[in-house]
C-alpha atoms as a PDB file:
ATOM      1  CA  MET A   1       3.740   4.818   8.118  1.00  0.00           C
ATOM      2  CA  SER A   2       1.324   4.855  11.055  1.00  0.00           C
ATOM      3  CA  GLU A   3      -1.824   2.732  11.068  1.00  0.00           C
ATOM      4  CA  GLN A   4      -4.757   4.370   9.322  1.00  0.00           C
ATOM      5  CA  THR A   5      -8.132   4.987  10.903  1.00  0.00           C
ATOM      6  CA  VAL A   6     -11.299   3.937   9.089  1.00  0.00           C
ATOM      7  CA  ASP A   7     -12.078   7.568   8.274  1.00  0.00           C
ATOM      8  CA  GLU A   8      -8.584   8.138   6.862  1.00  0.00           C
ATOM      9  CA  LYS A   9      -8.887   5.007   4.748  1.00  0.00           C
ATOM     10  CA  GLU A  10     -12.271   6.083   3.372  1.00  0.00           C
ATOM     11  CA  ALA A  11     -10.932   9.581   2.591  1.00  0.00           C
ATOM     12  CA  ILE A  12      -7.951   8.120   0.705  1.00  0.00           C
ATOM     13  CA  ASP A  13     -10.204   5.728  -1.235  1.00  0.00           C
ATOM     14  CA  ALA A  14     -12.497   8.594  -2.265  1.00  0.00           C
ATOM     15  CA  ARG A  15      -9.557  10.746  -3.322  1.00  0.00           C
ATOM     16  CA  LYS A  16      -8.045   7.886  -5.333  1.00  0.00           C
ATOM     17  CA  ALA A  17     -11.359   7.287  -7.118  1.00  0.00           C
ATOM     18  CA  ALA A  18     -11.502  10.920  -8.209  1.00  0.00           C
ATOM     19  CA  LEU A  19      -7.868  10.858  -9.318  1.00  0.00           C
ATOM     20  CA  ARG A  20      -8.454   7.691 -11.360  1.00  0.00           C
ATOM     21  CA  THR A  21     -11.179   9.480 -13.297  1.00  0.00           C
ATOM     22  CA  GLU A  22      -8.864  12.423 -13.931  1.00  0.00           C
ATOM     23  CA  ALA A  23      -6.009  10.109 -14.956  1.00  0.00           C
ATOM     24  CA  HIS A  24      -8.207   8.229 -17.421  1.00  0.00           C
ATOM     25  CA  GLU A  25      -9.248  11.531 -18.995  1.00  0.00           C
ATOM     26  CA  LYS A  26      -5.639  12.711 -19.293  1.00  0.00           C
ATOM     27  CA  ARG A  27      -4.461   9.497 -20.905  1.00  0.00           C
ATOM     28  CA  GLY A  28      -7.524   9.113 -23.095  1.00  0.00           C
ATOM     29  CA  GLY A  29      -6.916  12.502 -24.700  1.00  0.00           C
ATOM     30  CA  LEU A  30      -3.581  11.516 -26.257  1.00  0.00           C
ATOM     31  CA  SER A  31      -3.501  11.066 -30.034  1.00  0.00           C
ATOM     32  CA  SER A  32      -2.626   7.751 -31.664  1.00  0.00           C
ATOM     33  CA  SER A  33       0.434   9.268 -33.341  1.00  0.00           C
ATOM     34  CA  PHE A  34       1.703  10.587 -30.017  1.00  0.00           C
ATOM     35  CA  ARG A  35       1.122   7.205 -28.373  1.00  0.00           C
ATOM     36  CA  LYS A  36       3.157   5.406 -31.032  1.00  0.00           C
ATOM     37  CA  GLU A  37       6.086   7.811 -30.747  1.00  0.00           C
ATOM     38  CA  ALA A  38       5.899   7.781 -26.937  1.00  0.00           C
ATOM     39  CA  ALA A  39       6.078   3.971 -26.879  1.00  0.00           C
ATOM     40  CA  ARG A  40       9.228   4.056 -29.008  1.00  0.00           C
ATOM     41  CA  ALA A  41      10.838   6.813 -26.905  1.00  0.00           C
ATOM     42  CA  ALA A  42       9.970   5.158 -23.579  1.00  0.00           C
ATOM     43  CA  ALA A  43      11.407   1.829 -24.731  1.00  0.00           C
ATOM     44  CA  GLU A  44      14.643   3.495 -25.823  1.00  0.00           C
ATOM     45  CA  THR A  45      14.900   5.282 -22.491  1.00  0.00           C
ATOM     46  CA  PHE A  46      14.239   2.108 -20.513  1.00  0.00           C
ATOM     47  CA  ILE A  47      16.852   0.118 -22.456  1.00  0.00           C
ATOM     48  CA  ALA A  48      19.454   2.837 -21.925  1.00  0.00           C
ATOM     49  CA  ALA A  49      18.685   3.646 -18.283  1.00  0.00           C
ATOM     50  CA  VAL A  50      17.550   0.427 -16.595  1.00  0.00           C
ATOM     51  CA  PRO A  51      20.202  -2.322 -16.440  1.00  0.00           C
ATOM     52  CA  VAL A  52      18.762  -5.835 -16.850  1.00  0.00           C
ATOM     53  CA  PRO A  53      21.425  -8.524 -16.245  1.00  0.00           C
ATOM     54  CA  PHE A  54      20.943 -11.739 -18.240  1.00  0.00           C
ATOM     55  CA  GLU A  55      20.681 -13.813 -15.068  1.00  0.00           C
ATOM     56  CA  GLN A  56      17.696 -11.764 -13.926  1.00  0.00           C
ATOM     57  CA  THR A  57      14.048 -12.139 -14.937  1.00  0.00           C
ATOM     58  CA  ILE A  58      12.010  -9.130 -16.027  1.00  0.00           C
ATOM     59  CA  SER A  59       8.219  -8.961 -15.884  1.00  0.00           C
ATOM     60  CA  ILE A  60       6.520  -6.966 -18.649  1.00  0.00           C
ATOM     61  CA  TYR A  61       2.763  -6.533 -19.008  1.00  0.00           C
ATOM     62  CA  TRP A  62       0.461  -6.547 -22.044  1.00  0.00           C
ATOM     63  CA  ALA A  63      -0.916  -3.032 -22.461  1.00  0.00           C
ATOM     64  CA  ILE A  64      -4.701  -2.736 -22.327  1.00  0.00           C
ATOM     65  CA  ARG A  65      -7.077   0.065 -23.278  1.00  0.00           C
ATOM     66  CA  ASP A  66      -5.029   3.266 -23.627  1.00  0.00           C
ATOM     67  CA  GLU A  67      -1.960   2.260 -21.594  1.00  0.00           C
ATOM     68  CA  LEU A  68       1.537   2.987 -22.897  1.00  0.00           C
ATOM     69  CA  ASP A  69       2.309   0.226 -25.404  1.00  0.00           C
ATOM     70  CA  CYS A  70       4.936  -2.208 -24.098  1.00  0.00           C
ATOM     71  CA  THR A  71       5.431  -4.021 -27.414  1.00  0.00           C
ATOM     72  CA  PRO A  72       8.693  -2.233 -28.379  1.00  0.00           C
ATOM     73  CA  LEU A  73      10.118  -2.951 -24.902  1.00  0.00           C
ATOM     74  CA  LEU A  74       8.943  -6.558 -24.888  1.00  0.00           C
ATOM     75  CA  SER A  75      10.322  -7.166 -28.379  1.00  0.00           C
ATOM     76  CA  HIS A  76      13.737  -5.843 -27.396  1.00  0.00           C
ATOM     77  CA  PHE A  77      14.157  -8.094 -24.380  1.00  0.00           C
ATOM     78  CA  MET A  78      12.754 -11.136 -26.157  1.00  0.00           C
ATOM     79  CA  ASP A  79      14.983 -10.614 -29.198  1.00  0.00           C
ATOM     80  CA  ASP A  80      17.974 -10.057 -26.930  1.00  0.00           C
ATOM     81  CA  GLY A  81      17.472 -13.401 -25.201  1.00  0.00           C
ATOM     82  CA  HIS A  82      16.509 -12.121 -21.744  1.00  0.00           C
ATOM     83  CA  LYS A  83      14.274 -14.093 -19.405  1.00  0.00           C
ATOM     84  CA  VAL A  84      10.859 -12.466 -19.652  1.00  0.00           C
ATOM     85  CA  CYS A  85       7.725 -13.314 -17.695  1.00  0.00           C
ATOM     86  CA  LEU A  86       4.166 -12.101 -18.058  1.00  0.00           C
ATOM     87  CA  PRO A  87       1.677 -11.492 -15.223  1.00  0.00           C
ATOM     88  CA  VAL A  88      -1.301 -13.836 -14.987  1.00  0.00           C
ATOM     89  CA  VAL A  89      -4.493 -12.877 -13.136  1.00  0.00           C
ATOM     90  CA  MET A  90      -5.467 -15.835 -10.956  1.00  0.00           C
ATOM     91  CA  GLY A  91      -8.681 -14.410  -9.568  1.00  0.00           C
ATOM     92  CA  ARG A  92     -10.150 -11.508  -7.650  1.00  0.00           C
ATOM     93  CA  GLY A  93      -8.327 -10.921  -4.380  1.00  0.00           C
ATOM     94  CA  LEU A  94      -5.370 -13.131  -5.353  1.00  0.00           C
ATOM     95  CA  PRO A  95      -1.780 -12.177  -6.193  1.00  0.00           C
ATOM     96  CA  LEU A  96      -0.576 -12.382  -9.771  1.00  0.00           C
ATOM     97  CA  GLU A  97       1.265 -15.442 -11.006  1.00  0.00           C
ATOM     98  CA  MET A  98       4.360 -14.701 -13.091  1.00  0.00           C
ATOM     99  CA  ARG A  99       5.039 -17.169 -15.927  1.00  0.00           C
ATOM    100  CA  LEU A 100       8.082 -17.316 -18.197  1.00  0.00           C
ATOM    101  CA  TRP A 101       7.430 -16.765 -21.875  1.00  0.00           C
ATOM    102  CA  SER A 102       9.429 -17.000 -25.104  1.00  0.00           C
ATOM    103  CA  PRO A 103       8.338 -16.012 -28.636  1.00  0.00           C
ATOM    104  CA  THR A 104       7.770 -19.644 -29.640  1.00  0.00           C
ATOM    105  CA  ASP A 105       5.471 -20.368 -26.684  1.00  0.00           C
ATOM    106  CA  PRO A 106       1.675 -20.161 -26.963  1.00  0.00           C
ATOM    107  CA  LEU A 107      -0.438 -17.512 -25.271  1.00  0.00           C
ATOM    108  CA  VAL A 108      -3.942 -17.901 -23.885  1.00  0.00           C
ATOM    109  CA  PRO A 109      -6.655 -15.334 -22.992  1.00  0.00           C
ATOM    110  CA  ASN A 110      -6.360 -14.101 -19.407  1.00  0.00           C
ATOM    111  CA  GLY A 111      -9.136 -11.586 -18.906  1.00  0.00           C
ATOM    112  CA  PHE A 112      -8.975  -7.782 -19.168  1.00  0.00           C
ATOM    113  CA  ASN A 113      -8.315  -8.350 -22.902  1.00  0.00           C
ATOM    114  CA  THR A 114      -4.815  -9.665 -22.163  1.00  0.00           C
ATOM    115  CA  LEU A 115      -2.875 -12.783 -23.107  1.00  0.00           C
ATOM    116  CA  ALA A 116      -0.739 -14.952 -20.838  1.00  0.00           C
ATOM    117  CA  PRO A 117       1.434 -18.055 -20.955  1.00  0.00           C
ATOM    118  CA  PRO A 118      -0.501 -21.273 -20.243  1.00  0.00           C
ATOM    119  CA  GLU A 119      -0.556 -23.121 -16.905  1.00  0.00           C
ATOM    120  CA  THR A 120       2.285 -25.359 -18.076  1.00  0.00           C
ATOM    121  CA  ALA A 121       4.705 -22.409 -18.258  1.00  0.00           C
ATOM    122  CA  GLN A 122       7.363 -22.107 -15.558  1.00  0.00           C
ATOM    123  CA  LYS A 123       6.365 -19.978 -12.566  1.00  0.00           C
ATOM    124  CA  VAL A 124       8.967 -17.446 -11.433  1.00  0.00           C
ATOM    125  CA  ILE A 125       9.511 -14.505  -9.102  1.00  0.00           C
ATOM    126  CA  PRO A 126      10.831 -11.590 -11.174  1.00  0.00           C
ATOM    127  CA  ASP A 127      13.835  -9.468 -10.281  1.00  0.00           C
ATOM    128  CA  ILE A 128      12.459  -6.478 -12.177  1.00  0.00           C
ATOM    129  CA  VAL A 129       8.775  -5.617 -12.563  1.00  0.00           C
ATOM    130  CA  VAL A 130       7.560  -3.199 -15.225  1.00  0.00           C
ATOM    131  CA  THR A 131       4.191  -2.140 -13.902  1.00  0.00           C
ATOM    132  CA  PRO A 132       1.252  -0.322 -15.500  1.00  0.00           C
ATOM    133  CA  LEU A 133      -0.322   2.579 -13.656  1.00  0.00           C
ATOM    134  CA  LEU A 134      -2.812   5.388 -13.908  1.00  0.00           C
ATOM    135  CA  GLY A 135      -0.670   7.978 -12.175  1.00  0.00           C
ATOM    136  CA  PHE A 136       2.565   8.645 -10.307  1.00  0.00           C
ATOM    137  CA  ASP A 137       4.003  11.537  -8.301  1.00  0.00           C
ATOM    138  CA  LYS A 138       7.430  12.932  -7.400  1.00  0.00           C
ATOM    139  CA  GLU A 139       7.701  10.627  -4.380  1.00  0.00           C
ATOM    140  CA  GLY A 140       7.167   7.464  -6.399  1.00  0.00           C
ATOM    141  CA  THR A 141       3.607   6.854  -5.272  1.00  0.00           C
ATOM    142  CA  ARG A 142       1.767   4.718  -7.827  1.00  0.00           C
ATOM    143  CA  LEU A 143      -1.924   5.101  -8.577  1.00  0.00           C
ATOM    144  CA  GLY A 144      -3.212   1.762  -9.851  1.00  0.00           C
ATOM    145  CA  TYR A 145      -6.633   0.642 -10.998  1.00  0.00           C
ATOM    146  CA  GLY A 146      -7.849  -0.338  -7.539  1.00  0.00           C
ATOM    147  CA  GLY A 147      -7.691  -4.122  -7.916  1.00  0.00           C
ATOM    148  CA  GLY A 148      -4.592  -4.448  -5.743  1.00  0.00           C
ATOM    149  CA  TYR A 149      -3.036  -7.205  -7.872  1.00  0.00           C
ATOM    150  CA  TYR A 150       0.490  -5.829  -7.836  1.00  0.00           C
ATOM    151  CA  ASP A 151       0.385  -4.849  -4.153  1.00  0.00           C
ATOM    152  CA  ARG A 152      -0.703  -8.372  -3.171  1.00  0.00           C
ATOM    153  CA  SER A 153       1.929  -9.918  -5.414  1.00  0.00           C
ATOM    154  CA  LEU A 154       4.729  -7.813  -3.970  1.00  0.00           C
ATOM    155  CA  ALA A 155       3.618  -8.664  -0.437  1.00  0.00           C
ATOM    156  CA  SER A 156       3.635 -12.402  -1.231  1.00  0.00           C
ATOM    157  CA  TRP A 157       7.164 -12.577  -2.663  1.00  0.00           C
ATOM    158  CA  PRO A 158      10.201 -13.270  -0.438  1.00  0.00           C
ATOM    159  CA  GLN A 159      12.068 -10.225  -1.738  1.00  0.00           C
ATOM    160  CA  LYS A 160      11.034  -6.972  -3.356  1.00  0.00           C
ATOM    161  CA  PRO A 161      11.953  -6.646  -7.046  1.00  0.00           C
ATOM    162  CA  LEU A 162      13.019  -3.433  -8.711  1.00  0.00           C
ATOM    163  CA  LEU A 163       9.665  -1.756  -9.368  1.00  0.00           C
ATOM    164  CA  VAL A 164       9.573   0.352 -12.522  1.00  0.00           C
ATOM    165  CA  GLY A 165       6.480   2.298 -13.511  1.00  0.00           C
ATOM    166  CA  TYR A 166       5.848   2.608 -17.257  1.00  0.00           C
ATOM    167  CA  ALA A 167       3.640   5.487 -18.311  1.00  0.00           C
ATOM    168  CA  PHE A 168       3.069   8.606 -20.349  1.00  0.00           C
ATOM    169  CA  GLY A 169       4.502  11.835 -18.936  1.00  0.00           C
ATOM    170  CA  VAL A 170       0.985  13.278 -18.715  1.00  0.00           C
ATOM    171  CA  GLN A 171       0.218  10.710 -16.013  1.00  0.00           C
ATOM    172  CA  GLU A 172       2.365  12.548 -13.449  1.00  0.00           C
ATOM    173  CA  PHE A 173       0.555  14.236 -10.538  1.00  0.00           C
ATOM    174  CA  ASP A 174       1.897  16.694  -7.993  1.00  0.00           C
ATOM    175  CA  HIS A 175       0.824  14.465  -5.112  1.00  0.00           C
ATOM    176  CA  LEU A 176      -1.020  11.181  -4.740  1.00  0.00           C
ATOM    177  CA  PRO A 177      -2.434   9.704  -1.516  1.00  0.00           C
ATOM    178  CA  ARG A 178      -0.667   6.553  -0.333  1.00  0.00           C
ATOM    179  CA  ASP A 179      -2.226   3.720   1.652  1.00  0.00           C
ATOM    180  CA  THR A 180      -0.185   1.784   4.206  1.00  0.00           C
ATOM    181  CA  HIS A 181      -0.038  -1.216   1.833  1.00  0.00           C
ATOM    182  CA  ASP A 182       0.981   0.800  -1.253  1.00  0.00           C
ATOM    183  CA  VAL A 183       4.503  -0.057  -2.384  1.00  0.00           C
ATOM    184  CA  PRO A 184       6.302   2.967  -3.883  1.00  0.00           C
ATOM    185  CA  LEU A 185       8.028   2.799  -7.255  1.00  0.00           C
ATOM    186  CA  ASP A 186      11.815   2.686  -7.469  1.00  0.00           C
ATOM    187  CA  MET A 187      11.653   4.572 -10.750  1.00  0.00           C
ATOM    188  CA  VAL A 188       9.304   5.485 -13.565  1.00  0.00           C
ATOM    189  CA  VAL A 189      10.023   5.594 -17.298  1.00  0.00           C
ATOM    190  CA  THR A 190       8.055   7.823 -19.654  1.00  0.00           C
ATOM    191  CA  GLU A 191       8.615   9.230 -23.144  1.00  0.00           C
ATOM    192  CA  ASN A 192      10.305  12.175 -21.391  1.00  0.00           C
ATOM    193  CA  GLY A 193      12.970  10.152 -19.595  1.00  0.00           C
ATOM    194  CA  VAL A 194      13.514   8.264 -16.350  1.00  0.00           C
ATOM    195  CA  ARG A 195      12.762   9.404 -12.789  1.00  0.00           C
ATOM    196  CA  ARG A 196      14.376   7.683  -9.815  1.00  0.00           C
ATOM    197  CA  PHE A 197      12.868   7.886  -6.351  1.00  0.00           C
ATOM    198  CA  SER A 198      15.340   7.741  -3.491  1.00  0.00           C
ATOM    199  CA  ALA A 199      12.511   7.542  -0.952  1.00  0.00           C
ATOM    200  CA  ALA A 200      11.213   4.219  -2.313  1.00  0.00           C
ATOM    201  CA  GLU A 201      11.490   1.534   0.357  1.00  0.00           C
END
């Protein structure tokens, strides 16, 4: 992708801001019963469609606000003995820190109404990252919340993990603007199934 001008960057930022508002409205309109069933269906789809070897580490996030609930997915991998890590916010403008967690380990508040393993937990670089999002499109472009935590984290790691978006089907858009630093998804899992993006690089 060619280098962006200041005007192009400002236009993309403005478009993303408007799309975030639209995405929040779409997701916020879903009923609690639909959300519960969607979380179950998405977890079943992920387990069936995304191979997670035991020697690999998978990062799963704690859902906040009206995000797709990851609890069924997290419970499966924890119960199955996989290596699971949780993202930890280290501060504004900093990449995330990924810390291993098991069901017997404590959790501490980490901002944004989330919980995280304590500082004593082992730090890892995940092989597979399940990432929250506000929107996605047919090319695998991810619309995040604007904090840039995942983009900075991906840029700081020595190799790119498999990047899997986790969302409701209603969060799909026809087209989303992509900045030069935006890392496309390899796939996205929703209650409707799995989408793979061959253009993700």
